[in-house]
Amino acid sequence: MDRSSFDALRRGEGTIADGLRAARRGVAKARAVALNRSIPQYMTDVVTSVPRPARTPASTPAVRSPRRIAAFSTYPIHPRRGGGQLRGWYLADGLGRRDDTEVTIVSLTTNPDLAGDHTLSDRVTEHCVLIDHGAARRETELRLVTGDVSITDIASGLMWPGISGFTEVATRALDQACAAIAVQPYLIDAIDTLASGIATVYDSHNDEVELKATILPRHTVGGRWLERWVDDLERRASEGSVLVTTTTEVDLRTLSARYRIDATTEVIPNGVDTGDIEFIVGTARVARRQLLDPHLGLERNRPVALFVGSGHLPNIEAGRHIVSLARQVPGVDFVLAGDHSTRLGLANLPPNVHAIGAVGDDLLELLLTSSTVALNPMGGGSGSNLKLFTYLAAGLPVLSTTVGTRGIDPEAAGVMTTSVGSLAAGLDALLSEDGNERVLAGRNYVEANCDWRVIADRFAALVVESTPS
């Protein structure tokens, strides 16, 4: 077997692939201990092998209009597919709609197709830097002694000076900027180092310490080592900013309890662009249901339950809950869309589960406007679920766990809530209803409380009030 075939097998699913990955991690851990006497020392040496630039004071912006703001993200904002990308795009757009403000986003990607410069609107631009092979190799060295999980955000936060071209792009963005926005906490060290003293806004998408505790393997020394660094970065972002925003009241309370936050704090919830999402109910939805058959090979006239989610671990776990549910409810077709559906790690799916991977905008719109119900069986994570607002805006009756309704009033929004263990009974009850009252309540709720334009305007006003001109 040649190297490329071996690598393809190792990256696949199933017992052999799992065994190969476990063996590779075992070798890496043994090597780390042999070379450095301990895994924490090995990880520290990997991080400190990257030369760090000297701390540079923030520049004093010239008196000019519009004001310049630099935003930093460990993932691309363009194209806005979902989750944090949507939040980052709409909040930046809210600032860019002001006549007195322009925004430059500096982001990272592992995908060469996404790297480069993008114009998001008249006053919002993005410079997306490709994570080069050297930086990716160092990340792999940390991951191999941690576990089979993604750590790109943490590795980027710890070793950003080693990403080719990033320091230069970030320095240009910060030059003459009056403020910086940390989109999540991971690049706070880059901001502090390249523009020490600049007014910083921390937009927290999740309680990262709580979230990473559900993702990083706490039974490994490497997992615990990374958790401590997540806490350090989140602490610096929370305690060193002039404005801290969270997506839910729960996250704001936990951050405020864990850290000494002297800044202005505000809940800026997630939202949905109600103008972009068609509200389809009744016979129109039934008619569109027939269009799904040639796309997915569904059986005619059977209910379709939809779940859309990224490759985030809480979404993967939710997908596994749905697979278990599907075995109990063979008369319903379950469609799993998004990257989570390619990472379930299950050898055999029931015939009524359709795991279709990432989807384009056209197919996503068809799924939202033709499925019978939407599911949101989240068991963990932090922040609020953007997918939930999208379901409600599109006219889908929603069955969710209580965790999945973070950030909204489920009763006012017409969302049926249940536990993971009672999903089958909940789905049966939801499918037995007429549903019109629920979906109307859901659409009215998101229009009144969750429209991105209103949310973004509020965020922009807070940023302008909290930072120098």
Protein backbone atom coordinates (compact mmCIF):
# COMPACT_ATOMS: atom_id res chain seq x y z
CA MET A 1 0.00 0.00 0.00
CA ASP A 2 1.43 3.41 -0.99
CA ARG A 3 1.43 6.46 1.33
CA SER A 4 -1.58 8.17 -0.30
CA SER A 5 -3.71 5.01 0.02
CA PHE A 6 -2.67 4.63 3.66
CA ASP A 7 -3.55 8.26 4.43
CA ALA A 8 -6.95 7.89 2.75
CA LEU A 9 -7.67 4.78 4.82
CA ARG A 10 -6.57 6.53 8.02
CA ARG A 11 -8.86 9.50 7.38
CA GLY A 12 -11.88 7.31 6.68
CA GLU A 13 -14.56 5.85 8.93
CA GLY A 14 -14.81 2.47 10.59
CA THR A 15 -12.84 0.18 12.88
CA ILE A 16 -9.65 0.05 10.81
CA ALA A 17 -9.47 3.83 10.43
CA ASP A 18 -10.14 4.33 14.14
CA GLY A 19 -7.42 1.83 14.98
CA LEU A 20 -4.89 3.50 12.70
CA ARG A 21 -5.58 6.91 14.19
CA ALA A 22 -5.34 5.55 17.73
CA ALA A 23 -2.03 3.86 16.90
CA ARG A 24 -0.66 7.08 15.42
CA ARG A 25 -1.65 9.00 18.56
CA GLY A 26 -0.02 6.34 20.73
CA VAL A 27 3.25 6.62 18.84
CA ALA A 28 3.13 10.43 19.07
CA LYS A 29 2.58 10.34 22.83
CA ALA A 30 5.41 7.86 23.37
CA ARG A 31 7.72 10.04 21.26
CA ALA A 32 6.69 13.18 23.16
CA VAL A 33 7.48 11.59 26.52
CA ALA A 34 10.78 10.18 25.23
CA LEU A 35 11.95 13.53 23.84
CA ASN A 36 10.53 15.92 26.42
CA ARG A 37 9.89 13.76 29.50
CA SER A 38 6.23 14.83 29.60
CA ILE A 39 3.41 15.61 27.20
CA PRO A 40 2.76 19.11 28.65
CA GLN A 41 6.44 20.01 28.17
CA TYR A 42 6.31 18.66 24.62
CA MET A 43 3.24 20.77 23.83
CA THR A 44 4.84 23.83 25.40
CA ASP A 45 7.95 23.30 23.28
CA VAL A 46 5.86 23.04 20.10
CA VAL A 47 4.16 26.35 20.89
CA THR A 48 7.33 28.17 21.94
CA SER A 49 9.17 26.98 18.81
CA VAL A 50 7.31 29.76 16.98
CA PRO A 51 9.19 33.09 17.25
CA ARG A 52 7.02 35.88 18.64
CA PRO A 53 7.10 39.48 17.45
CA ALA A 54 7.73 42.25 19.95
CA ARG A 55 4.70 43.86 21.53
CA THR A 56 3.77 47.00 19.59
CA PRO A 57 1.67 49.86 20.99
CA ALA A 58 -1.53 50.61 19.12
CA SER A 59 -1.20 53.44 16.63
CA THR A 60 -3.02 56.71 17.24
CA PRO A 61 -5.65 57.00 14.50
CA ALA A 62 -5.59 60.16 12.46
CA VAL A 63 -8.66 62.36 12.65
CA ARG A 64 -10.60 60.94 9.79
CA SER A 65 -13.97 59.62 8.74
CA PRO A 66 -15.00 56.88 8.48
CA ARG A 67 -13.60 55.23 11.61
CA ARG A 68 -11.68 51.99 11.05
CA ILE A 69 -12.36 48.79 12.98
CA ALA A 70 -10.37 45.55 12.61
CA ALA A 71 -12.11 42.23 13.36
CA PHE A 72 -10.31 38.90 13.89
CA SER A 73 -11.69 35.39 13.32
CA THR A 74 -10.10 31.93 13.20
CA TYR A 75 -12.46 30.93 10.36
CA PRO A 76 -13.62 32.66 7.16
CA ILE A 77 -16.66 34.92 7.33
CA HIS A 78 -17.18 34.62 3.55
CA PRO A 79 -19.04 32.69 2.27
CA ARG A 80 -21.61 32.88 5.04
CA ARG A 81 -22.82 29.29 5.28
CA GLY A 82 -24.02 29.14 8.86
CA GLY A 83 -23.25 29.38 12.54
CA GLY A 84 -20.54 31.82 13.49
CA GLN A 85 -20.02 32.87 9.87
CA LEU A 86 -23.54 34.27 9.73
CA ARG A 87 -23.13 36.09 13.02
CA GLY A 88 -19.77 37.52 12.05
CA TRP A 89 -21.06 38.67 8.66
CA TYR A 90 -24.23 40.34 9.89
CA LEU A 91 -22.57 42.11 12.82
CA ALA A 92 -19.80 43.42 10.58
CA ASP A 93 -22.39 44.47 8.02
CA GLY A 94 -24.27 46.36 10.74
CA LEU A 95 -21.15 48.40 11.42
CA GLY A 96 -20.48 48.86 7.71
CA ARG A 97 -23.96 50.25 7.09
CA ARG A 98 -23.05 53.26 9.21
CA ASP A 99 -21.70 56.18 7.18
CA ASP A 100 -18.95 56.76 9.75
CA THR A 101 -17.48 53.23 9.98
CA GLU A 102 -15.55 50.74 7.86
CA VAL A 103 -14.56 47.22 8.90
CA THR A 104 -11.59 45.06 7.92
CA ILE A 105 -11.88 41.38 8.84
CA VAL A 106 -8.75 39.24 9.19
CA SER A 107 -9.58 35.54 9.17
CA LEU A 108 -7.93 32.14 8.76
CA THR A 109 -8.70 29.10 6.65
CA THR A 110 -7.31 25.66 5.80
CA ASN A 111 -9.06 25.78 2.40
CA PRO A 112 -7.02 27.39 -0.40
CA ASP A 113 -10.23 28.16 -2.30
CA LEU A 114 -11.39 30.48 0.51
CA ALA A 115 -8.11 32.32 1.02
CA GLY A 116 -7.64 35.82 -0.36
CA ASP A 117 -9.39 39.17 -0.28
CA HIS A 118 -13.18 39.49 -0.35
CA THR A 119 -15.47 42.50 -0.49
CA LEU A 120 -18.46 41.74 1.73
CA SER A 121 -20.12 45.13 1.29
CA ASP A 122 -19.19 48.72 0.47
CA ARG A 123 -17.50 49.24 3.85
CA VAL A 124 -16.63 45.67 4.89
CA THR A 125 -13.67 43.74 3.49
CA GLU A 126 -12.12 40.43 4.51
CA HIS A 127 -8.53 39.28 4.20
CA CYS A 128 -8.54 35.49 4.66
CA VAL A 129 -5.10 34.00 5.34
CA LEU A 130 -4.33 30.40 4.43
CA ILE A 131 -2.93 28.29 7.27
CA ASP A 132 0.30 27.05 5.68
CA HIS A 133 1.81 23.57 5.88
CA GLY A 134 4.20 24.49 8.69
CA ALA A 135 1.41 25.84 10.89
CA ALA A 136 -0.77 22.83 10.05
CA ARG A 137 2.08 20.49 11.00
CA ARG A 138 2.50 22.14 14.40
CA GLU A 139 -1.25 21.90 14.99
CA THR A 140 -1.09 18.20 14.13
CA GLU A 141 1.71 17.71 16.65
CA LEU A 142 -0.54 19.12 19.37
CA ARG A 143 -3.59 17.18 18.22
CA LEU A 144 -1.83 13.82 18.10
CA VAL A 145 -1.05 13.98 21.82
CA THR A 146 -4.55 15.25 22.62
CA GLY A 147 -7.20 13.25 20.77
CA ASP A 148 -9.13 12.86 17.53
CA VAL A 149 -10.71 16.34 17.67
CA SER A 150 -10.33 19.60 15.79
CA ILE A 151 -8.17 22.19 17.56
CA THR A 152 -7.52 24.65 14.72
CA ASP A 153 -8.97 27.58 16.64
CA ILE A 154 -6.87 26.91 19.76
CA ALA A 155 -3.70 26.15 17.81
CA SER A 156 -4.14 29.35 15.80
CA GLY A 157 -4.58 31.34 18.99
CA LEU A 158 -1.40 29.91 20.49
CA MET A 159 0.81 29.92 17.39
CA TRP A 160 -0.54 32.72 15.17
CA PRO A 161 2.94 34.24 14.62
CA GLY A 162 3.90 31.05 12.77
CA ILE A 163 1.11 31.34 10.17
CA SER A 164 2.76 32.67 7.04
CA GLY A 165 1.51 36.13 6.13
CA PHE A 166 -0.85 36.53 9.07
CA THR A 167 1.22 39.03 11.06
CA GLU A 168 1.63 41.30 8.03
CA VAL A 169 -2.08 41.24 7.16
CA ALA A 170 -3.11 41.77 10.79
CA THR A 171 -0.68 44.65 11.25
CA ARG A 172 -2.06 46.45 8.19
CA ALA A 173 -5.62 45.98 9.43
CA LEU A 174 -4.76 47.37 12.87
CA ASP A 175 -2.85 50.37 11.54
CA GLN A 176 -4.98 53.47 12.13
CA ALA A 177 -7.81 51.34 13.56
CA CYS A 178 -9.62 52.84 16.53
CA ALA A 179 -10.85 49.46 17.79
CA ALA A 180 -10.53 45.71 17.31
CA ILE A 181 -13.19 43.01 17.55
CA ALA A 182 -12.30 39.52 18.75
CA VAL A 183 -14.75 37.18 17.01
CA GLN A 184 -14.46 34.53 19.72
CA PRO A 185 -11.41 34.80 22.03
CA TYR A 186 -8.74 32.86 20.16
CA LEU A 187 -6.89 35.70 18.41
CA ILE A 188 -6.89 38.03 21.42
CA ASP A 189 -3.13 37.50 21.86
CA ALA A 190 -2.53 38.64 18.29
CA ILE A 191 -4.54 41.81 18.91
CA ASP A 192 -2.76 42.51 22.22
CA THR A 193 0.67 41.93 20.72
CA LEU A 194 0.31 43.81 17.44
CA ALA A 195 -1.72 46.74 18.80
CA SER A 196 -1.22 46.79 22.56
CA GLY A 197 -3.75 49.02 24.28
CA ILE A 198 -6.24 49.21 21.42
CA ALA A 199 -9.90 49.32 22.50
CA THR A 200 -11.16 45.77 22.04
CA VAL A 201 -14.66 44.33 21.73
CA TYR A 202 -15.07 40.65 22.59
CA ASP A 203 -18.02 39.06 20.80
CA SER A 204 -18.45 35.71 22.55
CA HIS A 205 -20.31 33.17 20.44
CA ASN A 206 -20.15 30.55 23.20
CA ASP A 207 -18.85 30.05 26.70
CA GLU A 208 -15.67 28.56 25.23
CA VAL A 209 -14.45 26.94 28.43
CA GLU A 210 -17.76 25.12 28.84
CA LEU A 211 -17.96 24.24 25.15
CA LYS A 212 -14.42 22.90 24.90
CA ALA A 213 -14.98 20.83 28.03
CA THR A 214 -17.51 18.85 25.97
CA ILE A 215 -15.16 18.53 22.98
CA LEU A 216 -11.61 18.12 24.26
CA PRO A 217 -10.82 14.69 25.79
CA ARG A 218 -10.44 15.54 29.47
CA HIS A 219 -9.07 12.07 30.20
CA THR A 220 -5.90 12.97 28.28
CA VAL A 221 -3.09 15.16 29.57
CA GLY A 222 -3.08 17.00 26.25
CA GLY A 223 -6.80 17.73 26.45
CA ARG A 224 -6.46 19.23 29.91
CA TRP A 225 -3.41 21.27 28.79
CA LEU A 226 -5.42 22.79 25.93
CA GLU A 227 -8.38 23.48 28.23
CA ARG A 228 -6.18 25.62 30.44
CA TRP A 229 -5.12 27.68 27.43
CA VAL A 230 -8.74 28.13 26.33
CA ASP A 231 -9.47 29.49 29.81
CA ASP A 232 -6.47 31.83 29.56
CA LEU A 233 -7.52 33.23 26.17
CA GLU A 234 -11.15 33.63 27.20
CA ARG A 235 -10.08 35.35 30.41
CA ARG A 236 -7.89 37.82 28.53
CA ALA A 237 -10.65 38.59 26.04
CA SER A 238 -13.27 39.01 28.77
CA GLU A 239 -11.18 41.04 31.22
CA GLY A 240 -9.28 43.16 28.72
CA SER A 241 -12.11 44.40 26.51
CA VAL A 242 -14.16 47.59 26.69
CA LEU A 243 -17.29 45.75 25.55
CA VAL A 244 -18.22 42.08 25.98
CA THR A 245 -21.22 40.65 24.13
CA THR A 246 -22.68 37.16 24.41
CA THR A 247 -25.45 35.31 22.59
CA THR A 248 -27.42 34.33 25.70
CA GLU A 249 -28.07 35.50 29.26
CA VAL A 250 -26.73 32.17 30.51
CA ASP A 251 -23.36 32.70 28.83
CA LEU A 252 -23.16 36.26 30.14
CA ARG A 253 -23.79 35.05 33.69
CA THR A 254 -21.17 32.28 33.49
CA LEU A 255 -18.50 34.55 32.00
CA SER A 256 -19.24 37.23 34.60
CA ALA A 257 -18.99 34.67 37.40
CA ARG A 258 -15.73 33.18 36.13
CA TYR A 259 -13.89 36.38 35.23
CA ARG A 260 -13.58 39.94 36.54
CA ILE A 261 -15.28 41.86 33.76
CA ASP A 262 -15.17 45.63 34.18
CA ALA A 263 -16.39 46.30 30.65
CA THR A 264 -19.87 47.08 29.41
CA THR A 265 -21.67 43.76 28.92
CA GLU A 266 -24.66 43.07 26.72
CA VAL A 267 -26.55 40.11 25.27
CA ILE A 268 -26.57 40.33 21.47
CA PRO A 269 -28.60 37.27 20.47
CA ASN A 270 -28.21 35.27 17.31
CA GLY A 271 -30.74 35.94 14.62
CA VAL A 272 -31.99 35.24 11.14
CA ASP A 273 -32.45 37.30 8.00
CA THR A 274 -36.22 37.04 7.74
CA GLY A 275 -36.19 38.87 4.43
CA ASP A 276 -34.09 36.11 2.84
CA ILE A 277 -36.12 33.15 4.10
CA GLU A 278 -39.42 32.30 2.47
CA PHE A 279 -42.25 31.37 4.84
CA ILE A 280 -43.95 28.29 3.34
CA VAL A 281 -46.86 26.44 4.97
CA GLY A 282 -49.89 24.35 4.09
CA THR A 283 -50.46 23.09 0.55
CA ALA A 284 -47.45 25.01 -0.78
CA ARG A 285 -45.17 23.04 1.55
CA VAL A 286 -46.86 19.76 0.62
CA ALA A 287 -46.33 20.53 -3.07
CA ARG A 288 -42.65 21.26 -2.56
CA ARG A 289 -42.28 18.02 -0.64
CA GLN A 290 -42.65 16.13 -3.94
CA LEU A 291 -39.62 17.96 -5.33
CA LEU A 292 -37.40 16.34 -2.70
CA ASP A 293 -37.96 12.82 -4.05
CA PRO A 294 -35.67 13.04 -7.11
CA HIS A 295 -32.98 14.74 -5.01
CA LEU A 296 -32.89 12.28 -2.14
CA GLY A 297 -34.76 9.17 -3.24
CA LEU A 298 -37.41 9.55 -0.54
CA GLU A 299 -40.59 7.54 -0.46
CA ARG A 300 -43.60 9.57 -1.53
CA ASN A 301 -46.09 10.86 1.04
CA ARG A 302 -43.94 10.06 4.08
CA PRO A 303 -43.15 12.79 6.62
CA VAL A 304 -39.66 14.28 6.41
CA ALA A 305 -37.83 15.37 9.58
CA LEU A 306 -34.90 17.72 8.93
CA PHE A 307 -31.74 18.49 10.90
CA VAL A 308 -29.08 20.87 9.58
CA GLY A 309 -25.76 21.19 11.37
CA SER A 310 -22.05 21.85 10.91
CA GLY A 311 -19.28 19.44 11.90
CA HIS A 312 -19.28 20.83 15.45
CA LEU A 313 -19.23 17.97 18.01
CA PRO A 314 -22.60 18.89 19.63
CA ASN A 315 -24.16 18.67 16.15
CA ILE A 316 -22.54 15.29 15.52
CA GLU A 317 -23.98 14.02 18.81
CA ALA A 318 -27.39 15.42 17.87
CA GLY A 319 -27.14 13.56 14.55
CA ARG A 320 -26.46 10.33 16.42
CA HIS A 321 -29.54 10.94 18.59
CA ILE A 322 -31.57 11.29 15.39
CA VAL A 323 -30.19 8.01 14.01
CA SER A 324 -31.36 6.29 17.20
CA LEU A 325 -34.73 8.01 16.85
CA ALA A 326 -35.03 6.83 13.23
CA ARG A 327 -34.77 3.20 14.32
CA GLN A 328 -37.80 3.78 16.56
CA VAL A 329 -39.84 5.61 13.91
CA PRO A 330 -39.42 3.72 10.61
CA GLY A 331 -42.36 5.53 8.98
CA VAL A 332 -40.56 8.89 8.90
CA ASP A 333 -37.67 9.89 6.64
CA PHE A 334 -34.87 11.74 8.45
CA VAL A 335 -32.63 14.08 6.45
CA LEU A 336 -29.30 15.06 8.01
CA ALA A 337 -27.71 17.96 6.11
CA GLY A 338 -24.36 19.63 6.78
CA ASP A 339 -20.86 18.46 7.65
CA HIS A 340 -21.98 16.71 10.85
CA SER A 341 -23.65 14.03 8.73
CA THR A 342 -20.29 12.93 7.29
CA ARG A 343 -18.76 12.53 10.76
CA LEU A 344 -21.28 10.36 12.56
CA GLY A 345 -18.83 7.47 12.85
CA LEU A 346 -21.63 4.92 12.37
CA ALA A 347 -21.06 1.98 10.05
CA ASN A 348 -24.68 1.30 9.13
CA LEU A 349 -27.47 3.87 8.98
CA PRO A 350 -31.14 2.87 8.99
CA PRO A 351 -32.75 3.03 5.52
CA ASN A 352 -34.89 6.00 6.59
CA VAL A 353 -31.83 8.15 7.43
CA HIS A 354 -30.44 10.23 4.58
CA ALA A 355 -27.06 11.74 5.51
CA ILE A 356 -26.38 14.09 2.61
CA GLY A 357 -23.39 16.13 3.79
CA ALA A 358 -22.86 19.79 3.00
CA VAL A 359 -25.52 21.26 0.72
CA GLY A 360 -25.68 24.28 -1.56
CA ASP A 361 -28.02 27.20 -1.08
CA ASP A 362 -30.66 25.91 -3.52
CA LEU A 363 -30.99 22.48 -1.92
CA LEU A 364 -30.96 23.99 1.57
CA GLU A 365 -33.82 26.30 0.61
CA LEU A 366 -35.75 23.32 -0.78
CA LEU A 367 -35.17 21.35 2.42
CA LEU A 368 -36.35 24.25 4.59
CA THR A 369 -39.49 24.85 2.54
CA SER A 370 -40.54 21.24 1.92
CA SER A 371 -39.70 19.20 5.03
CA THR A 372 -42.53 18.31 7.38
CA VAL A 373 -40.82 19.12 10.69
CA ALA A 374 -37.41 20.20 11.95
CA LEU A 375 -35.45 18.60 14.77
CA ASN A 376 -33.02 20.25 17.18
CA PRO A 377 -32.01 17.54 19.69
CA MET A 378 -28.97 19.32 21.11
CA GLY A 379 -27.53 17.75 24.22
CA GLY A 380 -24.67 20.14 24.88
CA GLY A 381 -22.73 23.12 23.67
CA SER A 382 -23.08 26.78 24.46
CA GLY A 383 -24.48 29.91 22.85
CA SER A 384 -27.71 29.78 20.88
CA ASN A 385 -28.65 27.75 17.80
CA LEU A 386 -28.87 29.73 14.58
CA LYS A 387 -30.45 26.75 12.85
CA LEU A 388 -33.45 27.03 15.18
CA PHE A 389 -34.21 30.59 14.04
CA THR A 390 -33.92 29.50 10.41
CA TYR A 391 -36.39 26.65 10.94
CA LEU A 392 -38.90 29.01 12.54
CA ALA A 393 -38.53 31.66 9.84
CA ALA A 394 -39.15 29.07 7.11
CA GLY A 395 -42.41 27.82 8.65
CA LEU A 396 -41.20 24.49 10.03
CA PRO A 397 -42.76 23.03 13.19
CA VAL A 398 -39.82 22.37 15.53
CA LEU A 399 -39.13 19.63 18.07
CA SER A 400 -36.18 20.52 20.30
CA THR A 401 -34.52 19.60 23.53
CA THR A 402 -34.50 22.31 26.17
CA VAL A 403 -30.77 22.82 25.61
CA GLY A 404 -31.50 23.47 21.95
CA THR A 405 -33.78 26.41 22.78
CA ARG A 406 -31.07 28.46 24.52
CA GLY A 407 -31.62 32.14 23.88
CA ILE A 408 -35.35 32.06 23.04
CA ASP A 409 -38.72 31.67 24.74
CA PRO A 410 -39.78 28.28 23.32
CA GLU A 411 -43.42 28.64 24.30
CA ALA A 412 -43.75 32.06 22.66
CA ALA A 413 -41.94 30.75 19.57
CA GLY A 414 -44.19 27.70 19.28
CA VAL A 415 -41.34 25.21 19.77
CA MET A 416 -42.23 21.81 21.24
CA THR A 417 -39.60 20.79 23.79
CA THR A 418 -38.76 17.34 25.10
CA SER A 419 -35.85 15.28 26.40
CA VAL A 420 -33.55 13.19 24.21
CA GLY A 421 -35.13 10.06 25.64
CA SER A 422 -38.63 11.20 24.67
CA LEU A 423 -37.94 12.31 21.10
CA ALA A 424 -40.05 9.54 19.56
CA ALA A 425 -43.13 10.47 21.59
CA GLY A 426 -42.55 14.16 20.92
CA LEU A 427 -42.23 13.61 17.18
CA ASP A 428 -45.42 11.57 17.11
CA ALA A 429 -47.27 14.34 18.94
CA LEU A 430 -45.90 17.04 16.64
CA LEU A 431 -46.81 15.13 13.48
CA SER A 432 -50.34 14.60 14.84
CA GLU A 433 -50.97 18.35 15.18
CA ASP A 434 -52.37 20.71 12.58
CA GLY A 435 -49.27 22.84 13.19
CA ASN A 436 -50.47 26.15 11.73
CA GLU A 437 -50.65 27.90 15.09
CA ARG A 438 -47.12 26.80 15.95
CA VAL A 439 -45.52 27.91 12.70
CA LEU A 440 -47.25 31.28 12.73
CA ALA A 441 -46.05 31.83 16.29
CA GLY A 442 -42.53 30.88 15.23
CA ARG A 443 -42.39 33.27 12.28
CA ASN A 444 -43.89 36.12 14.30
CA TYR A 445 -41.38 35.47 17.09
CA VAL A 446 -38.29 35.63 14.89
CA GLU A 447 -39.55 38.70 13.02
CA ALA A 448 -40.10 40.53 16.31
CA ASN A 449 -37.05 39.31 18.23
CA CYS A 450 -34.45 37.70 15.97
CA ASP A 451 -34.08 39.75 12.79
CA TRP A 452 -30.38 40.18 12.02
CA ARG A 453 -30.68 43.73 10.76
CA VAL A 454 -32.20 44.96 14.04
CA ILE A 455 -29.70 42.95 16.11
CA ALA A 456 -26.73 44.17 14.06
CA ASP A 457 -27.78 47.82 14.32
CA ARG A 458 -27.91 47.45 18.10
CA PHE A 459 -24.47 45.84 18.17
CA ALA A 460 -23.03 48.60 15.97
CA ALA A 461 -24.41 51.31 18.24
CA LEU A 462 -22.84 49.61 21.28
CA VAL A 463 -19.46 49.33 19.56
CA VAL A 464 -19.49 53.00 18.57
CA GLU A 465 -20.52 54.07 22.08
CA SER A 466 -17.84 51.92 23.74
CA THR A 467 -14.83 52.71 21.54
CA PRO A 468 -13.00 55.93 20.63
CA SER A 469 -13.76 57.65 17.34
